[in-house]
Amino acid sequence: MLLLVGLGNPGRDYAGNRHNIGFMAADAIVRRHSFSPWRQKFSGEIADGTVAGEKVAVLKPLTYMNESGRSVAAAAQFWKIEPKDIVVFHDELDLPPAKMRVKTGGGHAGHNGLRSIQAHLGPDFRRVRLGIGHPGAKELVTNWVLGDFAKADSDWLQQLLDALADHLPRLVAGEDAAYQSDIALALQPEKKAKEPKAPPPAEAPKPAGPSEASKNAMAETLRRLLAQKKR
């Protein structure tokens, strides 16, 4: 069994925040794969289904970001799920918008949701890092992550969420590198087809010279004229 965790903060005030892209990914996965309706359990919302023949549960902790680990640990303990079978979808300041990376283990880089999960389960869970970009200065980070995505972000954001859900069987199968690669390809802008080169202009046909018969006739006429002058 695989436990997918989307990180975010509960409530309407936070729904469109950059910090809530993990919740958005969880919602997209549940819709795409026709999981069960959300129900409250483990201090969060849980939905489950089957992907590529494997049982998968999706959890959105409702504890607020700083206490996410409490919810994840409760679900992991109930189903006896090891950290290697837990995948956390979260916002990533160190990646540009629309970029994503998959990794196992590592630090929390100041992310309070990851910090909380590590405090309960250790660092050896898998992470899907979803780029939201960096505001450029440390003092701007809080307002940035707790700010809503701009209208201009809607196209790439929806494409990313769709790709995360569409290619989920790769992740479920443990093919993390292939999952990352497939999503990167799905987000590439379509390359314009090269316009075919115009064919070179056709050369004008060369004027045809006199035929062999004409040449013979002209030679015969010239011979006669010369013969007449000699008389």
Protein backbone atom coordinates (compact mmCIF):
# COMPACT_ATOMS: atom_id res chain seq x y z
CA MET A 1 0.00 0.00 0.00
CA LEU A 2 1.15 3.52 -0.80
CA LEU A 3 0.29 6.63 1.21
CA LEU A 4 0.29 9.90 -0.75
CA VAL A 5 0.28 13.06 1.37
CA GLY A 6 -0.59 16.50 0.06
CA LEU A 7 0.59 19.32 2.31
CA GLY A 8 -1.32 22.53 2.87
CA ASN A 9 -3.40 24.51 5.33
CA PRO A 10 -7.14 23.90 5.79
CA GLY A 11 -9.83 26.48 5.17
CA ARG A 12 -10.99 28.81 2.41
CA ASP A 13 -8.53 31.54 3.35
CA TYR A 14 -5.61 29.30 2.37
CA ALA A 15 -7.15 27.35 -0.52
CA GLY A 16 -5.42 29.29 -3.32
CA ASN A 17 -2.07 29.77 -1.55
CA ARG A 18 1.21 28.65 -3.10
CA HIS A 19 1.80 26.76 0.15
CA ASN A 20 -1.29 24.66 -0.68
CA ILE A 21 -0.08 23.19 -3.96
CA GLY A 22 0.23 19.84 -2.16
CA PHE A 23 -3.50 19.90 -1.36
CA MET A 24 -4.18 20.79 -5.01
CA ALA A 25 -2.13 17.81 -6.19
CA ALA A 26 -4.03 15.50 -3.82
CA ASP A 27 -7.37 16.75 -5.15
CA ALA A 28 -6.26 16.27 -8.76
CA ILE A 29 -5.16 12.68 -8.07
CA VAL A 30 -8.40 11.76 -6.31
CA ARG A 31 -10.49 13.20 -9.18
CA ARG A 32 -8.42 11.64 -11.95
CA HIS A 33 -8.43 8.13 -10.50
CA SER A 34 -12.01 8.15 -9.17
CA PHE A 35 -11.03 7.52 -5.55
CA SER A 36 -13.56 7.27 -2.75
CA PRO A 37 -15.13 10.47 -1.42
CA TRP A 38 -13.06 12.36 1.13
CA ARG A 39 -13.73 11.37 4.73
CA GLN A 40 -12.26 12.68 7.97
CA LYS A 41 -9.74 10.46 9.72
CA PHE A 42 -6.23 10.74 11.21
CA SER A 43 -6.78 14.47 11.89
CA GLY A 44 -7.12 14.94 8.17
CA GLU A 45 -9.10 14.06 5.07
CA ILE A 46 -8.50 10.67 3.49
CA ALA A 47 -9.57 9.10 0.19
CA ASP A 48 -8.49 5.78 -1.28
CA GLY A 49 -8.55 3.78 -4.47
CA THR A 50 -6.49 1.60 -6.76
CA VAL A 51 -3.80 2.70 -9.21
CA ALA A 52 -1.98 0.24 -11.48
CA GLY A 53 -3.30 -2.62 -9.37
CA GLU A 54 -1.97 -1.16 -6.10
CA LYS A 55 -4.00 0.17 -3.19
CA VAL A 56 -3.34 3.87 -2.67
CA ALA A 57 -4.55 6.25 0.04
CA VAL A 58 -4.36 10.04 -0.25
CA LEU A 59 -4.17 12.14 2.89
CA LYS A 60 -4.59 15.89 3.41
CA PRO A 61 -3.64 16.75 7.01
CA LEU A 62 -6.03 19.25 8.58
CA THR A 63 -3.66 20.05 11.44
CA TYR A 64 -2.18 23.11 9.72
CA MET A 65 1.23 22.81 8.12
CA ASN A 66 3.32 22.91 11.31
CA GLU A 67 1.62 19.78 12.71
CA SER A 68 1.36 17.73 9.51
CA GLY A 69 3.53 14.97 10.95
CA ARG A 70 0.96 14.10 13.58
CA SER A 71 -1.64 13.27 10.92
CA VAL A 72 0.80 11.40 8.66
CA ALA A 73 2.18 9.34 11.56
CA ALA A 74 -1.33 8.31 12.63
CA ALA A 75 -2.18 7.06 9.13
CA ALA A 76 1.18 5.30 8.75
CA GLN A 77 0.79 3.57 12.10
CA PHE A 78 -2.79 2.45 11.36
CA TRP A 79 -1.84 0.85 8.02
CA LYS A 80 1.68 -0.15 9.11
CA ILE A 81 3.21 1.81 6.22
CA GLU A 82 6.97 2.31 6.16
CA PRO A 83 8.49 5.71 5.24
CA LYS A 84 9.65 4.39 1.83
CA ASP A 85 5.98 3.90 0.93
CA ILE A 86 4.98 7.44 1.91
CA VAL A 87 5.13 10.14 -0.79
CA VAL A 88 4.72 13.78 0.24
CA PHE A 89 3.66 16.40 -2.33
CA HIS A 90 4.80 19.85 -1.22
CA ASP A 91 5.69 23.34 -2.42
CA GLU A 92 9.36 24.02 -3.16
CA LEU A 93 10.85 27.52 -3.07
CA ASP A 94 14.12 26.39 -4.64
CA LEU A 95 12.50 25.28 -7.90
CA PRO A 96 11.10 27.62 -10.56
CA PRO A 97 7.34 27.57 -11.10
CA ALA A 98 6.09 24.54 -13.11
CA LYS A 99 9.22 22.49 -12.34
CA MET A 100 9.09 19.36 -10.20
CA ARG A 101 11.58 16.91 -8.77
CA VAL A 102 11.25 13.58 -6.98
CA LYS A 103 13.66 12.54 -4.25
CA THR A 104 13.92 10.20 -1.26
CA GLY A 105 15.19 11.45 2.07
CA GLY A 106 17.10 14.63 2.71
CA GLY A 107 16.55 17.66 4.90
CA HIS A 108 13.49 19.85 5.28
CA ALA A 109 15.13 23.11 4.05
CA GLY A 110 13.01 25.12 6.48
CA HIS A 111 9.69 23.69 5.23
CA ASN A 112 7.56 23.34 8.36
CA GLY A 113 5.43 20.53 6.98
CA LEU A 114 8.47 18.42 6.13
CA ARG A 115 10.07 19.34 9.45
CA SER A 116 7.02 18.02 11.31
CA ILE A 117 6.87 14.77 9.31
CA GLN A 118 10.58 14.16 9.88
CA ALA A 119 10.11 14.68 13.61
CA HIS A 120 7.57 11.83 13.67
CA LEU A 121 8.87 9.44 10.98
CA GLY A 122 12.46 10.35 10.22
CA PRO A 123 13.72 11.65 6.85
CA ASP A 124 13.46 8.55 4.66
CA PHE A 125 10.12 9.22 2.98
CA ARG A 126 9.74 10.16 -0.68
CA ARG A 127 9.02 13.72 -1.76
CA VAL A 128 7.51 15.26 -4.87
CA ARG A 129 8.86 18.82 -4.84
CA LEU A 130 6.59 21.25 -6.71
CA GLY A 131 8.26 24.50 -7.74
CA ILE A 132 6.63 27.78 -6.78
CA GLY A 133 9.69 30.00 -7.25
CA HIS A 134 11.37 32.26 -4.70
CA PRO A 135 10.41 35.91 -4.05
CA GLY A 136 14.09 36.88 -4.00
CA ALA A 137 14.59 37.80 -0.36
CA LYS A 138 14.22 35.78 2.85
CA GLU A 139 11.98 38.38 4.51
CA LEU A 140 9.46 38.04 1.67
CA VAL A 141 9.10 34.25 1.88
CA THR A 142 6.20 34.08 4.36
CA ASN A 143 3.99 36.45 2.37
CA TRP A 144 4.99 34.65 -0.83
CA VAL A 145 4.05 31.13 0.25
CA LEU A 146 0.88 32.33 1.99
CA GLY A 147 -0.08 34.42 -1.03
CA ASP A 148 -2.39 33.11 -3.74
CA PHE A 149 -1.16 32.01 -7.13
CA ALA A 150 -1.49 34.82 -9.65
CA LYS A 151 -3.95 34.60 -12.52
CA ALA A 152 -0.99 34.31 -14.88
CA ASP A 153 0.00 31.06 -13.11
CA SER A 154 -3.27 29.28 -13.89
CA ASP A 155 -2.18 27.67 -17.17
CA TRP A 156 1.06 26.07 -15.99
CA LEU A 157 -0.45 25.17 -12.62
CA GLN A 158 -3.34 23.26 -14.15
CA GLN A 159 -1.04 21.51 -16.62
CA LEU A 160 1.26 20.46 -13.78
CA LEU A 161 -1.59 19.14 -11.62
CA ASP A 162 -3.04 17.20 -14.55
CA ALA A 163 0.35 15.67 -15.35
CA LEU A 164 0.94 14.67 -11.73
CA ALA A 165 -2.32 12.74 -11.76
CA ASP A 166 -2.08 11.34 -15.30
CA HIS A 167 1.37 9.80 -14.80
CA LEU A 168 0.77 8.58 -11.24
CA PRO A 169 1.08 4.86 -12.18
CA ARG A 170 4.82 5.46 -12.67
CA LEU A 171 5.15 6.77 -9.11
CA VAL A 172 3.06 3.92 -7.69
CA ALA A 173 5.33 1.43 -9.47
CA GLY A 174 8.37 2.99 -7.79
CA GLU A 175 9.62 4.48 -11.07
CA ASP A 176 10.37 7.89 -9.60
CA ALA A 177 12.85 8.98 -12.29
CA ALA A 178 10.44 7.98 -15.08
CA TYR A 179 7.61 9.84 -13.31
CA GLN A 180 9.70 12.98 -13.17
CA SER A 181 10.75 12.60 -16.80
CA ASP A 182 7.21 11.98 -18.09
CA ILE A 183 5.90 15.07 -16.34
CA ALA A 184 8.75 17.21 -17.66
CA LEU A 185 7.91 16.07 -21.20
CA ALA A 186 4.21 16.72 -20.66
CA LEU A 187 4.94 20.31 -19.64
CA GLN A 188 7.21 21.13 -22.56
CA PRO A 189 5.68 23.70 -24.93
CA GLU A 190 4.71 22.18 -28.24
CA LYS A 191 7.41 22.70 -30.81
CA LYS A 192 6.23 24.47 -33.90
CA ALA A 193 6.47 22.33 -36.97
CA LYS A 194 9.12 23.55 -39.32
CA GLU A 195 7.68 25.07 -42.43
CA PRO A 196 8.73 23.12 -45.52
CA LYS A 197 11.26 24.91 -47.66
CA ALA A 198 9.94 26.21 -50.96
CA PRO A 199 11.32 24.26 -53.91
CA PRO A 200 13.91 26.13 -55.99
CA PRO A 201 12.46 27.92 -59.01
CA ALA A 202 12.40 25.76 -62.08
CA GLU A 203 15.00 26.67 -64.68
CA ALA A 204 13.62 28.13 -67.88
CA PRO A 205 13.88 25.57 -70.67
CA LYS A 206 16.73 26.26 -73.08
CA PRO A 207 15.60 27.12 -76.58
CA ALA A 208 15.82 24.10 -78.81
CA GLY A 209 18.50 24.27 -81.55
CA PRO A 210 17.86 23.35 -85.20
CA SER A 211 17.15 19.70 -85.87
CA GLU A 212 19.58 17.46 -87.76
CA ALA A 213 17.35 17.57 -90.86
CA SER A 214 17.35 21.39 -90.80
CA LYS A 215 21.12 21.42 -90.54
CA ASN A 216 21.43 19.13 -93.56
CA ALA A 217 19.00 21.25 -95.59
CA MET A 218 20.91 24.44 -94.76
CA ALA A 219 24.21 22.80 -95.73
CA GLU A 220 22.75 21.64 -99.07
CA THR A 221 21.44 25.15 -99.82
CA LEU A 222 24.81 26.69 -99.01
CA ARG A 223 26.56 24.16 -101.26
CA ARG A 224 24.30 25.03 -104.19
CA LEU A 225 24.87 28.75 -103.73
CA LEU A 226 28.60 28.29 -103.77
CA ALA A 227 28.40 26.09 -106.86
CA GLN A 228 26.36 28.75 -108.71
CA LYS A 229 29.00 31.45 -107.93
CA LYS A 230 31.73 29.30 -109.45
CA ARG A 231 29.95 29.12 -112.83
